[in-house]
């Protein structure tokens, strides 16, 4: 077999590592699944804001964070720091605010929402 047809061992090891890393994905997580798959838009007249709460000092996800959006829609982040605010009215704007029990906070300002899903990251300090 020609050397041009056989990949070097280091390249093969890198390819195998990349494939193994991709196998660890949670296909049930929002926005993930089969390659190229995306979630359907939310029901007409509503928007969804989902995202992750992150400790600004460590970069680690934060669980148990209360996240509040426009209209007092709220959620609590899970063990991976993930949250989802559903049923927000199209056109709503304002702040998404995250608060931990120990007083750390993070926020961001939303532009008027469209009938879509918006992904955000909240860094808590």
PDB file of N, CA and C in Angstrom:
ATOM      1  N   UNK A   1       0.850  -1.188   0.000  1.00  0.00           N
ATOM      2  CA  UNK A   1       0.000   0.000   0.000  1.00  0.00           C
ATOM      3  C   UNK A   1       0.887   1.239   0.000  1.00  0.00           C
ATOM      4  N   UNK A   2       0.548   2.197  -0.759  1.00  0.00           N
ATOM      5  CA  UNK A   2       1.310   3.431  -0.892  1.00  0.00           C
ATOM      6  C   UNK A   2       1.239   4.244   0.390  1.00  0.00           C
ATOM      7  N   UNK A   3       2.312   4.960   0.725  1.00  0.00           N
ATOM      8  CA  UNK A   3       2.333   5.831   1.895  1.00  0.00           C
ATOM      9  C   UNK A   3       1.313   6.956   1.772  1.00  0.00           C
ATOM     10  N   UNK A   4       0.983   7.364   0.551  1.00  0.00           N
ATOM     11  CA  UNK A   4       0.019   8.436   0.359  1.00  0.00           C
ATOM     12  C   UNK A   4      -1.390   7.996   0.745  1.00  0.00           C
ATOM     13  N   UNK A   5      -1.677   6.724   0.696  1.00  0.00           N
ATOM     14  CA  UNK A   5      -3.010   6.240   1.026  1.00  0.00           C
ATOM     15  C   UNK A   5      -3.167   5.915   2.505  1.00  0.00           C
ATOM     16  N   UNK A   6      -2.046   5.752   3.218  1.00  0.00           N
ATOM     17  CA  UNK A   6      -2.113   5.436   4.654  1.00  0.00           C
ATOM     18  C   UNK A   6      -1.874   6.698   5.466  1.00  0.00           C
ATOM     19  N   UNK A   7      -2.844   7.106   6.300  1.00  0.00           N
ATOM     20  CA  UNK A   7      -2.620   8.296   7.125  1.00  0.00           C
ATOM     21  C   UNK A   7      -1.594   8.006   8.209  1.00  0.00           C
ATOM     22  N   UNK A   8      -0.807   8.991   8.561  1.00  0.00           N
ATOM     23  CA  UNK A   8       0.147   8.816   9.657  1.00  0.00           C
ATOM     24  C   UNK A   8      -0.602   8.470  10.945  1.00  0.00           C
ATOM     25  N   UNK A   9       0.046   7.742  11.835  1.00  0.00           N
ATOM     26  CA  UNK A   9      -0.595   7.317  13.084  1.00  0.00           C
ATOM     27  C   UNK A   9      -1.073   8.497  13.913  1.00  0.00           C
ATOM     28  N   UNK A  10      -0.324   9.578  13.943  1.00  0.00           N
ATOM     29  CA  UNK A  10      -0.718  10.746  14.740  1.00  0.00           C
ATOM     30  C   UNK A  10      -2.025  11.329  14.204  1.00  0.00           C
ATOM     31  N   UNK A  11      -2.154  11.405  12.881  1.00  0.00           N
ATOM     32  CA  UNK A  11      -3.381  11.922  12.284  1.00  0.00           C
ATOM     33  C   UNK A  11      -4.553  11.002  12.593  1.00  0.00           C
ATOM     34  N   UNK A  12      -4.328   9.707  12.517  1.00  0.00           N
ATOM     35  CA  UNK A  12      -5.376   8.743  12.825  1.00  0.00           C
ATOM     36  C   UNK A  12      -5.817   8.882  14.282  1.00  0.00           C
ATOM     37  N   UNK A  13      -4.875   9.075  15.183  1.00  0.00           N
ATOM     38  CA  UNK A  13      -5.205   9.246  16.605  1.00  0.00           C
ATOM     39  C   UNK A  13      -6.034  10.513  16.822  1.00  0.00           C
ATOM     40  N   UNK A  14      -5.695  11.590  16.121  1.00  0.00           N
ATOM     41  CA  UNK A  14      -6.448  12.840  16.239  1.00  0.00           C
ATOM     42  C   UNK A  14      -7.863  12.652  15.729  1.00  0.00           C
ATOM     43  N   UNK A  15      -8.011  11.982  14.592  1.00  0.00           N
ATOM     44  CA  UNK A  15      -9.343  11.742  14.032  1.00  0.00           C
ATOM     45  C   UNK A  15     -10.192  10.891  14.969  1.00  0.00           C
ATOM     46  N   UNK A  16      -9.606   9.854  15.549  1.00  0.00           N
ATOM     47  CA  UNK A  16     -10.348   9.008  16.491  1.00  0.00           C
ATOM     48  C   UNK A  16     -10.754   9.781  17.740  1.00  0.00           C
ATOM     49  N   UNK A  17      -9.882  10.647  18.231  1.00  0.00           N
ATOM     50  CA  UNK A  17     -10.204  11.460  19.405  1.00  0.00           C
ATOM     51  C   UNK A  17     -11.350  12.417  19.104  1.00  0.00           C
ATOM     52  N   UNK A  18     -11.337  13.018  17.913  1.00  0.00           N
ATOM     53  CA  UNK A  18     -12.413  13.941  17.528  1.00  0.00           C
ATOM     54  C   UNK A  18     -13.740  13.199  17.415  1.00  0.00           C
ATOM     55  N   UNK A  19     -13.729  12.015  16.850  1.00  0.00           N
ATOM     56  CA  UNK A  19     -14.957  11.223  16.753  1.00  0.00           C
ATOM     57  C   UNK A  19     -15.469  10.833  18.132  1.00  0.00           C
ATOM     58  N   UNK A  20     -14.580  10.441  19.015  1.00  0.00           N
ATOM     59  CA  UNK A  20     -14.992  10.058  20.370  1.00  0.00           C
ATOM     60  C   UNK A  20     -15.585  11.248  21.115  1.00  0.00           C
ATOM     61  N   UNK A  21     -15.021  12.431  20.936  1.00  0.00           N
ATOM     62  CA  UNK A  21     -15.553  13.628  21.597  1.00  0.00           C
ATOM     63  C   UNK A  21     -16.961  13.927  21.115  1.00  0.00           C
ATOM     64  N   UNK A  22     -17.222  13.750  19.839  1.00  0.00           N
ATOM     65  CA  UNK A  22     -18.551  13.996  19.288  1.00  0.00           C
ATOM     66  C   UNK A  22     -19.582  12.995  19.769  1.00  0.00           C
ATOM     67  N   UNK A  23     -19.138  11.794  20.124  1.00  0.00           N
ATOM     68  CA  UNK A  23     -20.070  10.762  20.591  1.00  0.00           C
ATOM     69  C   UNK A  23     -20.604  11.063  21.974  1.00  0.00           C
ATOM     70  N   UNK A  24     -19.963  11.927  22.728  1.00  0.00           N
ATOM     71  CA  UNK A  24     -20.395  12.245  24.076  1.00  0.00           C
ATOM     72  C   UNK A  24     -21.497  13.279  24.140  1.00  0.00           C
ATOM     73  N   UNK A  25     -21.933  13.793  23.017  1.00  0.00           N
ATOM     74  CA  UNK A  25     -22.977  14.817  23.018  1.00  0.00           C
ATOM     75  C   UNK A  25     -24.296  14.268  23.508  1.00  0.00           C
ATOM     76  N   UNK A  26     -25.067  15.109  24.131  1.00  0.00           N
ATOM     77  CA  UNK A  26     -26.398  14.750  24.589  1.00  0.00           C
ATOM     78  C   UNK A  26     -27.382  15.106  23.489  1.00  0.00           C
ATOM     79  N   UNK A  27     -27.825  14.105  22.737  1.00  0.00           N
ATOM     80  CA  UNK A  27     -28.713  14.364  21.608  1.00  0.00           C
ATOM     81  C   UNK A  27     -30.077  14.861  22.043  1.00  0.00           C
ATOM     82  N   UNK A  28     -30.406  14.706  23.331  1.00  0.00           N
ATOM     83  CA  UNK A  28     -31.709  15.172  23.800  1.00  0.00           C
ATOM     84  C   UNK A  28     -31.678  16.629  24.244  1.00  0.00           C
ATOM     85  N   UNK A  29     -30.479  17.226  24.282  1.00  0.00           N
ATOM     86  CA  UNK A  29     -30.359  18.617  24.723  1.00  0.00           C
ATOM     87  C   UNK A  29     -30.992  19.539  23.699  1.00  0.00           C
ATOM     88  N   UNK A  30     -31.578  20.672  24.152  1.00  0.00           N
ATOM     89  CA  UNK A  30     -32.185  21.607  23.207  1.00  0.00           C
ATOM     90  C   UNK A  30     -31.185  22.066  22.160  1.00  0.00           C
ATOM     91  N   UNK A  31     -31.630  22.087  20.897  1.00  0.00           N
ATOM     92  CA  UNK A  31     -30.786  22.588  19.825  1.00  0.00           C
ATOM     93  C   UNK A  31     -29.778  21.584  19.316  1.00  0.00           C
ATOM     94  N   UNK A  32     -29.791  20.363  19.872  1.00  0.00           N
ATOM     95  CA  UNK A  32     -28.837  19.354  19.440  1.00  0.00           C
ATOM     96  C   UNK A  32     -29.587  18.153  18.907  1.00  0.00           C
ATOM     97  N   UNK A  33     -28.853  17.292  18.303  1.00  0.00           N
ATOM     98  CA  UNK A  33     -29.461  16.085  17.777  1.00  0.00           C
ATOM     99  C   UNK A  33     -28.729  15.686  16.521  1.00  0.00           C
ATOM    100  N   UNK A  34     -29.439  15.185  15.546  1.00  0.00           N
ATOM    101  CA  UNK A  34     -28.822  14.766  14.303  1.00  0.00           C
ATOM    102  C   UNK A  34     -28.123  15.949  13.654  1.00  0.00           C
ATOM    103  N   UNK A  35     -27.059  15.656  12.943  1.00  0.00           N
ATOM    104  CA  UNK A  35     -26.291  16.721  12.295  1.00  0.00           C
ATOM    105  C   UNK A  35     -27.201  17.596  11.451  1.00  0.00           C
ATOM    106  N   UNK A  36     -27.133  18.886  11.678  1.00  0.00           N
ATOM    107  CA  UNK A  36     -27.904  19.834  10.909  1.00  0.00           C
ATOM    108  C   UNK A  36     -29.332  20.013  11.387  1.00  0.00           C
ATOM    109  N   UNK A  37     -29.749  19.233  12.390  1.00  0.00           N
ATOM    110  CA  UNK A  37     -31.131  19.338  12.872  1.00  0.00           C
ATOM    111  C   UNK A  37     -31.285  20.598  13.719  1.00  0.00           C
ATOM    112  N   UNK A  38     -32.379  21.289  13.536  1.00  0.00           N
ATOM    113  CA  UNK A  38     -32.678  22.462  14.353  1.00  0.00           C
ATOM    114  C   UNK A  38     -34.085  22.335  14.880  1.00  0.00           C
ATOM    115  N   UNK A  39     -34.351  23.026  15.958  1.00  0.00           N
ATOM    116  CA  UNK A  39     -35.683  22.997  16.533  1.00  0.00           C
ATOM    117  C   UNK A  39     -36.631  23.847  15.701  1.00  0.00           C
ATOM    118  N   UNK A  40     -37.894  23.457  15.728  1.00  0.00           N
ATOM    119  CA  UNK A  40     -38.922  24.242  15.046  1.00  0.00           C
ATOM    120  C   UNK A  40     -39.116  25.549  15.789  1.00  0.00           C
ATOM    121  N   UNK A  41     -39.586  26.586  15.106  1.00  0.00           N
ATOM    122  CA  UNK A  41     -39.854  27.849  15.801  1.00  0.00           C
ATOM    123  C   UNK A  41     -40.943  27.647  16.854  1.00  0.00           C
ATOM    124  N   UNK A  42     -40.965  28.502  17.873  1.00  0.00           N
ATOM    125  CA  UNK A  42     -42.009  28.393  18.885  1.00  0.00           C
ATOM    126  C   UNK A  42     -43.378  28.707  18.281  1.00  0.00           C
ATOM    127  N   UNK A  43     -44.455  28.422  19.011  1.00  0.00           N
ATOM    128  CA  UNK A  43     -45.799  28.728  18.496  1.00  0.00           C
ATOM    129  C   UNK A  43     -45.915  30.195  18.086  1.00  0.00           C
ATOM    130  N   UNK A  44     -46.758  30.461  17.101  1.00  0.00           N
ATOM    131  CA  UNK A  44     -46.958  31.828  16.600  1.00  0.00           C
ATOM    132  C   UNK A  44     -47.272  32.776  17.749  1.00  0.00           C
ATOM    133  N   UNK A  45     -46.666  33.951  17.696  1.00  0.00           N
ATOM    134  CA  UNK A  45     -46.917  34.972  18.707  1.00  0.00           C
ATOM    135  C   UNK A  45     -46.060  34.848  19.952  1.00  0.00           C
ATOM    136  N   UNK A  46     -45.185  33.818  19.990  1.00  0.00           N
ATOM    137  CA  UNK A  46     -44.329  33.641  21.169  1.00  0.00           C
ATOM    138  C   UNK A  46     -42.870  33.507  20.757  1.00  0.00           C
ATOM    139  N   UNK A  47     -42.006  33.653  21.754  1.00  0.00           N
ATOM    140  CA  UNK A  47     -40.567  33.502  21.570  1.00  0.00           C
ATOM    141  C   UNK A  47     -40.023  32.675  22.720  1.00  0.00           C
ATOM    142  N   UNK A  48     -38.852  32.102  22.516  1.00  0.00           N
ATOM    143  CA  UNK A  48     -38.165  31.334  23.544  1.00  0.00           C
ATOM    144  C   UNK A  48     -36.757  31.892  23.689  1.00  0.00           C
ATOM    145  N   UNK A  49     -36.338  32.143  24.934  1.00  0.00           N
ATOM    146  CA  UNK A  49     -34.957  32.514  25.218  1.00  0.00           C
ATOM    147  C   UNK A  49     -34.387  31.382  26.059  1.00  0.00           C
ATOM    148  N   UNK A  50     -33.348  30.740  25.556  1.00  0.00           N
ATOM    149  CA  UNK A  50     -32.683  29.690  26.314  1.00  0.00           C
ATOM    150  C   UNK A  50     -31.210  30.018  26.378  1.00  0.00           C
ATOM    151  N   UNK A  51     -30.524  29.376  27.311  1.00  0.00           N
ATOM    152  CA  UNK A  51     -29.112  29.661  27.418  1.00  0.00           C
ATOM    153  C   UNK A  51     -28.441  28.954  28.565  1.00  0.00           C
ATOM    154  N   UNK A  52     -27.289  29.494  28.932  1.00  0.00           N
ATOM    155  CA  UNK A  52     -26.439  28.898  29.951  1.00  0.00           C
ATOM    156  C   UNK A  52     -26.015  29.963  30.942  1.00  0.00           C
ATOM    157  N   UNK A  53     -26.021  29.590  32.225  1.00  0.00           N
ATOM    158  CA  UNK A  53     -25.505  30.467  33.272  1.00  0.00           C
ATOM    159  C   UNK A  53     -24.083  30.003  33.593  1.00  0.00           C
ATOM    160  N   UNK A  54     -23.154  30.951  33.585  1.00  0.00           N
ATOM    161  CA  UNK A  54     -21.723  30.657  33.750  1.00  0.00           C
ATOM    162  C   UNK A  54     -21.156  31.492  34.891  1.00  0.00           C
ATOM    163  N   UNK A  55     -20.301  30.883  35.715  1.00  0.00           N
ATOM    164  CA  UNK A  55     -19.555  31.615  36.739  1.00  0.00           C
ATOM    165  C   UNK A  55     -18.470  32.407  36.011  1.00  0.00           C
ATOM    166  N   UNK A  56     -18.509  33.727  36.086  1.00  0.00           N
ATOM    167  CA  UNK A  56     -17.563  34.576  35.352  1.00  0.00           C
ATOM    168  C   UNK A  56     -16.127  34.345  35.796  1.00  0.00           C
ATOM    169  N   UNK A  57     -15.912  33.966  37.051  1.00  0.00           N
ATOM    170  CA  UNK A  57     -14.551  33.779  37.561  1.00  0.00           C
ATOM    171  C   UNK A  57     -13.935  32.460  37.103  1.00  0.00           C
ATOM    172  N   UNK A  58     -14.741  31.400  37.027  1.00  0.00           N
ATOM    173  CA  UNK A  58     -14.195  30.084  36.723  1.00  0.00           C
ATOM    174  C   UNK A  58     -14.540  29.576  35.321  1.00  0.00           C
ATOM    175  N   UNK A  59     -15.597  30.137  34.714  1.00  0.00           N
ATOM    176  CA  UNK A  59     -16.045  29.657  33.421  1.00  0.00           C
ATOM    177  C   UNK A  59     -16.885  28.394  33.503  1.00  0.00           C
ATOM    178  N   UNK A  60     -17.201  27.953  34.714  1.00  0.00           N
ATOM    179  CA  UNK A  60     -17.989  26.741  34.917  1.00  0.00           C
ATOM    180  C   UNK A  60     -19.480  27.048  34.887  1.00  0.00           C
ATOM    181  N   UNK A  61     -20.305  26.110  34.414  1.00  0.00           N
ATOM    182  CA  UNK A  61     -21.754  26.307  34.446  1.00  0.00           C
ATOM    183  C   UNK A  61     -22.263  26.367  35.884  1.00  0.00           C
ATOM    184  N   UNK A  62     -23.323  27.129  36.089  1.00  0.00           N
ATOM    185  CA  UNK A  62     -23.917  27.272  37.421  1.00  0.00           C
ATOM    186  C   UNK A  62     -25.318  26.671  37.438  1.00  0.00           C
ATOM    187  N   UNK A  63     -25.550  25.769  38.376  1.00  0.00           N
ATOM    188  CA  UNK A  63     -26.860  25.141  38.552  1.00  0.00           C
ATOM    189  C   UNK A  63     -27.652  25.892  39.616  1.00  0.00           C
ATOM    190  N   UNK A  64     -28.976  25.806  39.522  1.00  0.00           N
ATOM    191  CA  UNK A  64     -29.841  26.385  40.544  1.00  0.00           C
ATOM    192  C   UNK A  64     -29.956  27.891  40.498  1.00  0.00           C
ATOM    193  N   UNK A  65     -29.631  28.492  39.370  1.00  0.00           N
ATOM    194  CA  UNK A  65     -29.701  29.948  39.212  1.00  0.00           C
ATOM    195  C   UNK A  65     -31.108  30.314  38.757  1.00  0.00           C
ATOM    196  N   UNK A  66     -31.733  31.286  39.414  1.00  0.00           N
ATOM    197  CA  UNK A  66     -33.045  31.753  38.977  1.00  0.00           C
ATOM    198  C   UNK A  66     -32.852  32.780  37.872  1.00  0.00           C
ATOM    199  N   UNK A  67     -33.511  32.543  36.740  1.00  0.00           N
ATOM    200  CA  UNK A  67     -33.407  33.415  35.572  1.00  0.00           C
ATOM    201  C   UNK A  67     -34.797  33.969  35.295  1.00  0.00           C
ATOM    202  N   UNK A  68     -34.903  35.303  35.201  1.00  0.00           N
ATOM    203  CA  UNK A  68     -36.191  35.956  34.962  1.00  0.00           C
ATOM    204  C   UNK A  68     -36.082  36.822  33.716  1.00  0.00           C
ATOM    205  N   UNK A  69     -37.136  36.751  32.892  1.00  0.00           N
ATOM    206  CA  UNK A  69     -37.181  37.530  31.659  1.00  0.00           C
ATOM    207  C   UNK A  69     -38.355  38.478  31.657  1.00  0.00           C
ATOM    208  N   UNK A  70     -38.626  39.098  30.515  1.00  0.00           N
ATOM    209  CA  UNK A  70     -39.757  40.018  30.401  1.00  0.00           C
ATOM    210  C   UNK A  70     -41.062  39.336  30.822  1.00  0.00           C
ATOM    211  N   UNK A  71     -41.942  40.112  31.441  1.00  0.00           N
ATOM    212  CA  UNK A  71     -43.224  39.574  31.877  1.00  0.00           C
ATOM    213  C   UNK A  71     -43.103  38.640  33.058  1.00  0.00           C
ATOM    214  N   UNK A  72     -41.987  38.693  33.752  1.00  0.00           N
ATOM    215  CA  UNK A  72     -41.739  37.857  34.927  1.00  0.00           C
ATOM    216  C   UNK A  72     -41.734  36.364  34.611  1.00  0.00           C
ATOM    217  N   UNK A  73     -41.497  35.992  33.345  1.00  0.00           N
ATOM    218  CA  UNK A  73     -41.328  34.592  32.988  1.00  0.00           C
ATOM    219  C   UNK A  73     -40.006  34.149  33.611  1.00  0.00           C
ATOM    220  N   UNK A  74     -40.007  32.997  34.296  1.00  0.00           N
ATOM    221  CA  UNK A  74     -38.779  32.583  34.980  1.00  0.00           C
ATOM    222  C   UNK A  74     -38.510  31.093  34.823  1.00  0.00           C
ATOM    223  N   UNK A  75     -37.272  30.732  35.119  1.00  0.00           N
ATOM    224  CA  UNK A  75     -36.822  29.344  35.074  1.00  0.00           C
ATOM    225  C   UNK A  75     -35.634  29.229  36.030  1.00  0.00           C
ATOM    226  N   UNK A  76     -35.249  27.992  36.333  1.00  0.00           N
ATOM    227  CA  UNK A  76     -34.079  27.722  37.163  1.00  0.00           C
ATOM    228  C   UNK A  76     -33.116  26.879  36.332  1.00  0.00           C
ATOM    229  N   UNK A  77     -31.839  27.238  36.354  1.00  0.00           N
ATOM    230  CA  UNK A  77     -30.853  26.508  35.553  1.00  0.00           C
ATOM    231  C   UNK A  77     -30.636  25.101  36.112  1.00  0.00           C
ATOM    232  N   UNK A  78     -30.386  24.158  35.191  1.00  0.00           N
ATOM    233  CA  UNK A  78     -30.188  22.764  35.579  1.00  0.00           C
ATOM    234  C   UNK A  78     -28.722  22.501  35.935  1.00  0.00           C
ATOM    235  N   UNK A  79     -28.358  21.246  36.093  1.00  0.00           N
ATOM    236  CA  UNK A  79     -27.000  20.863  36.501  1.00  0.00           C
ATOM    237  C   UNK A  79     -25.940  21.304  35.498  1.00  0.00           C
ATOM    238  N   UNK A  80     -26.328  21.506  34.230  1.00  0.00           N
ATOM    239  CA  UNK A  80     -25.387  21.972  33.194  1.00  0.00           C
ATOM    240  C   UNK A  80     -25.444  23.483  33.014  1.00  0.00           C
ATOM    241  N   UNK A  81     -26.193  24.174  33.888  1.00  0.00           N
ATOM    242  CA  UNK A  81     -26.327  25.623  33.781  1.00  0.00           C
ATOM    243  C   UNK A  81     -27.345  26.056  32.742  1.00  0.00           C
ATOM    244  N   UNK A  82     -28.086  25.118  32.157  1.00  0.00           N
ATOM    245  CA  UNK A  82     -29.031  25.419  31.085  1.00  0.00           C
ATOM    246  C   UNK A  82     -30.372  25.878  31.644  1.00  0.00           C
ATOM    247  N   UNK A  83     -30.985  26.848  30.961  1.00  0.00           N
ATOM    248  CA  UNK A  83     -32.319  27.331  31.323  1.00  0.00           C
ATOM    249  C   UNK A  83     -33.094  27.597  30.051  1.00  0.00           C
ATOM    250  N   UNK A  84     -34.425  27.763  30.200  1.00  0.00           N
ATOM    251  CA  UNK A  84     -35.294  28.003  29.049  1.00  0.00           C
ATOM    252  C   UNK A  84     -36.484  28.840  29.500  1.00  0.00           C
ATOM    253  N   UNK A  85     -36.631  30.026  28.910  1.00  0.00           N
ATOM    254  CA  UNK A  85     -37.769  30.906  29.166  1.00  0.00           C
ATOM    255  C   UNK A  85     -38.714  30.768  27.981  1.00  0.00           C
ATOM    256  N   UNK A  86     -39.869  30.155  28.205  1.00  0.00           N
ATOM    257  CA  UNK A  86     -40.819  29.887  27.122  1.00  0.00           C
ATOM    258  C   UNK A  86     -42.046  30.785  27.234  1.00  0.00           C
ATOM    259  N   UNK A  87     -42.723  30.961  26.102  1.00  0.00           N
ATOM    260  CA  UNK A  87     -43.979  31.699  26.100  1.00  0.00           C
ATOM    261  C   UNK A  87     -43.824  33.201  26.187  1.00  0.00           C
ATOM    262  N   UNK A  88     -42.652  33.714  25.865  1.00  0.00           N
ATOM    263  CA  UNK A  88     -42.463  35.167  25.852  1.00  0.00           C
ATOM    264  C   UNK A  88     -43.204  35.744  24.653  1.00  0.00           C
ATOM    265  N   UNK A  89     -43.908  36.862  24.820  1.00  0.00           N
ATOM    266  CA  UNK A  89     -44.643  37.409  23.680  1.00  0.00           C
ATOM    267  C   UNK A  89     -43.704  38.035  22.648  1.00  0.00           C
ATOM    268  N   UNK A  90     -44.039  37.844  21.374  1.00  0.00           N
ATOM    269  CA  UNK A  90     -43.289  38.490  20.299  1.00  0.00           C
ATOM    270  C   UNK A  90     -43.363  39.995  20.531  1.00  0.00           C
ATOM    271  N   UNK A  91     -42.229  40.666  20.362  1.00  0.00           N
ATOM    272  CA  UNK A  91     -42.163  42.109  20.576  1.00  0.00           C
ATOM    273  C   UNK A  91     -41.719  42.478  21.980  1.00  0.00           C
ATOM    274  N   UNK A  92     -41.719  41.505  22.896  1.00  0.00           N
ATOM    275  CA  UNK A  92     -41.272  41.794  24.270  1.00  0.00           C
ATOM    276  C   UNK A  92     -39.801  42.192  24.246  1.00  0.00           C
ATOM    277  N   UNK A  93     -39.435  43.092  25.119  1.00  0.00           N
ATOM    278  CA  UNK A  93     -38.039  43.489  25.279  1.00  0.00           C
ATOM    279  C   UNK A  93     -37.816  43.705  26.765  1.00  0.00           C
ATOM    280  N   UNK A  94     -36.614  44.037  27.121  1.00  0.00           N
ATOM    281  CA  UNK A  94     -36.297  44.247  28.533  1.00  0.00           C
ATOM    282  C   UNK A  94     -35.055  43.470  28.900  1.00  0.00           C
ATOM    283  N   UNK A  95     -34.976  43.062  30.149  1.00  0.00           N
ATOM    284  CA  UNK A  95     -33.782  42.376  30.632  1.00  0.00           C
ATOM    285  C   UNK A  95     -34.054  40.926  30.967  1.00  0.00           C
ATOM    286  N   UNK A  96     -33.028  40.116  30.776  1.00  0.00           N
ATOM    287  CA  UNK A  96     -32.972  38.772  31.328  1.00  0.00           C
ATOM    288  C   UNK A  96     -31.987  38.884  32.482  1.00  0.00           C
ATOM    289  N   UNK A  97     -32.447  38.533  33.690  1.00  0.00           N
ATOM    290  CA  UNK A  97     -31.629  38.673  34.894  1.00  0.00           C
ATOM    291  C   UNK A  97     -31.464  37.309  35.547  1.00  0.00           C
ATOM    292  N   UNK A  98     -30.227  36.986  35.927  1.00  0.00           N
ATOM    293  CA  UNK A  98     -29.925  35.734  36.616  1.00  0.00           C
ATOM    294  C   UNK A  98     -29.367  36.055  37.992  1.00  0.00           C
ATOM    295  N   UNK A  99     -29.848  35.323  39.018  1.00  0.00           N
ATOM    296  CA  UNK A  99     -29.389  35.539  40.398  1.00  0.00           C
ATOM    297  C   UNK A  99     -29.130  34.211  41.085  1.00  0.00           C
ATOM    298  N   UNK A 100     -27.996  34.124  41.771  1.00  0.00           N
ATOM    299  CA  UNK A 100     -27.705  32.942  42.579  1.00  0.00           C
ATOM    300  C   UNK A 100     -28.137  33.208  44.010  1.00  0.00           C
ATOM    301  N   UNK A 101     -28.197  32.130  44.797  1.00  0.00           N
ATOM    302  CA  UNK A 101     -28.572  32.264  46.209  1.00  0.00           C
ATOM    303  C   UNK A 101     -27.516  33.030  47.008  1.00  0.00           C
ATOM    304  N   UNK A 102     -26.263  33.034  46.536  1.00  0.00           N
ATOM    305  CA  UNK A 102     -25.202  33.744  47.265  1.00  0.00           C
ATOM    306  C   UNK A 102     -24.987  35.178  46.780  1.00  0.00           C
ATOM    307  N   UNK A 103     -25.893  35.674  45.927  1.00  0.00           N
ATOM    308  CA  UNK A 103     -25.861  37.086  45.550  1.00  0.00           C
ATOM    309  C   UNK A 103     -25.193  37.438  44.242  1.00  0.00           C
ATOM    310  N   UNK A 104     -24.634  36.471  43.527  1.00  0.00           N
ATOM    311  CA  UNK A 104     -24.038  36.782  42.224  1.00  0.00           C
ATOM    312  C   UNK A 104     -25.154  37.045  41.216  1.00  0.00           C
ATOM    313  N   UNK A 105     -24.903  37.973  40.297  1.00  0.00           N
ATOM    314  CA  UNK A 105     -25.913  38.308  39.295  1.00  0.00           C
ATOM    315  C   UNK A 105     -25.279  38.456  37.918  1.00  0.00           C
ATOM    316  N   UNK A 106     -26.128  38.359  36.925  1.00  0.00           N
ATOM    317  CA  UNK A 106     -25.746  38.605  35.544  1.00  0.00           C
ATOM    318  C   UNK A 106     -26.995  39.012  34.793  1.00  0.00           C
ATOM    319  N   UNK A 107     -26.850  39.837  33.781  1.00  0.00           N
ATOM    320  CA  UNK A 107     -28.028  40.255  33.022  1.00  0.00           C
ATOM    321  C   UNK A 107     -27.627  40.636  31.608  1.00  0.00           C
ATOM    322  N   UNK A 108     -28.645  40.723  30.772  1.00  0.00           N
ATOM    323  CA  UNK A 108     -28.458  41.237  29.419  1.00  0.00           C
ATOM    324  C   UNK A 108     -29.764  41.859  28.972  1.00  0.00           C
ATOM    325  N   UNK A 109     -29.647  42.809  28.065  1.00  0.00           N
ATOM    326  CA  UNK A 109     -30.822  43.512  27.546  1.00  0.00           C
ATOM    327  C   UNK A 109     -31.264  42.859  26.247  1.00  0.00           C
ATOM    328  N   UNK A 110     -32.552  42.574  26.161  1.00  0.00           N
ATOM    329  CA  UNK A 110     -33.127  41.979  24.956  1.00  0.00           C
ATOM    330  C   UNK A 110     -33.703  43.055  24.056  1.00  0.00           C
ATOM    331  N   UNK A 111     -33.461  42.941  22.787  1.00  0.00           N
ATOM    332  CA  UNK A 111     -34.163  43.749  21.792  1.00  0.00           C
ATOM    333  C   UNK A 111     -35.552  43.134  21.644  1.00  0.00           C
ATOM    334  N   UNK A 112     -36.480  43.810  20.993  1.00  0.00           N
ATOM    335  CA  UNK A 112     -37.803  43.200  20.802  1.00  0.00           C
ATOM    336  C   UNK A 112     -37.676  41.809  20.169  1.00  0.00           C
ATOM    337  N   UNK A 113     -38.328  40.838  20.793  1.00  0.00           N
ATOM    338  CA  UNK A 113     -38.211  39.449  20.375  1.00  0.00           C
ATOM    339  C   UNK A 113     -39.051  39.149  19.129  1.00  0.00           C
ATOM    340  N   UNK A 114     -38.530  38.265  18.294  1.00  0.00           N
ATOM    341  CA  UNK A 114     -39.247  37.769  17.114  1.00  0.00           C
ATOM    342  C   UNK A 114     -39.799  36.391  17.444  1.00  0.00           C
ATOM    343  N   UNK A 115     -40.620  35.854  16.563  1.00  0.00           N
ATOM    344  CA  UNK A 115     -41.137  34.498  16.723  1.00  0.00           C
ATOM    345  C   UNK A 115     -39.994  33.533  16.404  1.00  0.00           C
ATOM    346  N   UNK A 116     -39.113  33.353  17.396  1.00  0.00           N
ATOM    347  CA  UNK A 116     -37.906  32.560  17.194  1.00  0.00           C
ATOM    348  C   UNK A 116     -37.374  32.081  18.534  1.00  0.00           C
ATOM    349  N   UNK A 117     -36.311  31.324  18.455  1.00  0.00           N
ATOM    350  CA  UNK A 117     -35.587  30.868  19.644  1.00  0.00           C
ATOM    351  C   UNK A 117     -34.273  31.646  19.700  1.00  0.00           C
ATOM    352  N   UNK A 118     -33.970  32.198  20.855  1.00  0.00           N
ATOM    353  CA  UNK A 118     -32.762  32.998  21.038  1.00  0.00           C
ATOM    354  C   UNK A 118     -31.891  32.287  22.069  1.00  0.00           C
ATOM    355  N   UNK A 119     -30.614  32.124  21.781  1.00  0.00           N
ATOM    356  CA  UNK A 119     -29.655  31.471  22.668  1.00  0.00           C
ATOM    357  C   UNK A 119     -28.756  32.539  23.266  1.00  0.00           C
ATOM    358  N   UNK A 120     -28.613  32.547  24.608  1.00  0.00           N
ATOM    359  CA  UNK A 120     -27.790  33.538  25.293  1.00  0.00           C
ATOM    360  C   UNK A 120     -26.885  32.858  26.320  1.00  0.00           C
ATOM    361  N   UNK A 121     -25.859  33.575  26.757  1.00  0.00           N
ATOM    362  CA  UNK A 121     -24.977  33.132  27.835  1.00  0.00           C
ATOM    363  C   UNK A 121     -24.949  34.258  28.864  1.00  0.00           C
ATOM    364  N   UNK A 122     -25.224  33.902  30.113  1.00  0.00           N
ATOM    365  CA  UNK A 122     -25.200  34.875  31.201  1.00  0.00           C
ATOM    366  C   UNK A 122     -24.004  34.603  32.107  1.00  0.00           C
ATOM    367  N   UNK A 123     -23.096  35.566  32.207  1.00  0.00           N
ATOM    368  CA  UNK A 123     -21.907  35.458  33.057  1.00  0.00           C
ATOM    369  C   UNK A 123     -22.230  36.114  34.390  1.00  0.00           C
ATOM    370  N   UNK A 124     -22.214  35.346  35.476  1.00  0.00           N
ATOM    371  CA  UNK A 124     -22.561  35.862  36.787  1.00  0.00           C
ATOM    372  C   UNK A 124     -21.319  36.239  37.572  1.00  0.00           C
ATOM    373  N   UNK A 125     -21.388  37.442  38.182  1.00  0.00           N
ATOM    374  CA  UNK A 125     -20.280  37.945  39.004  1.00  0.00           C
ATOM    375  C   UNK A 125     -20.776  38.176  40.392  1.00  0.00           C
TER     376      UNK A 125
END
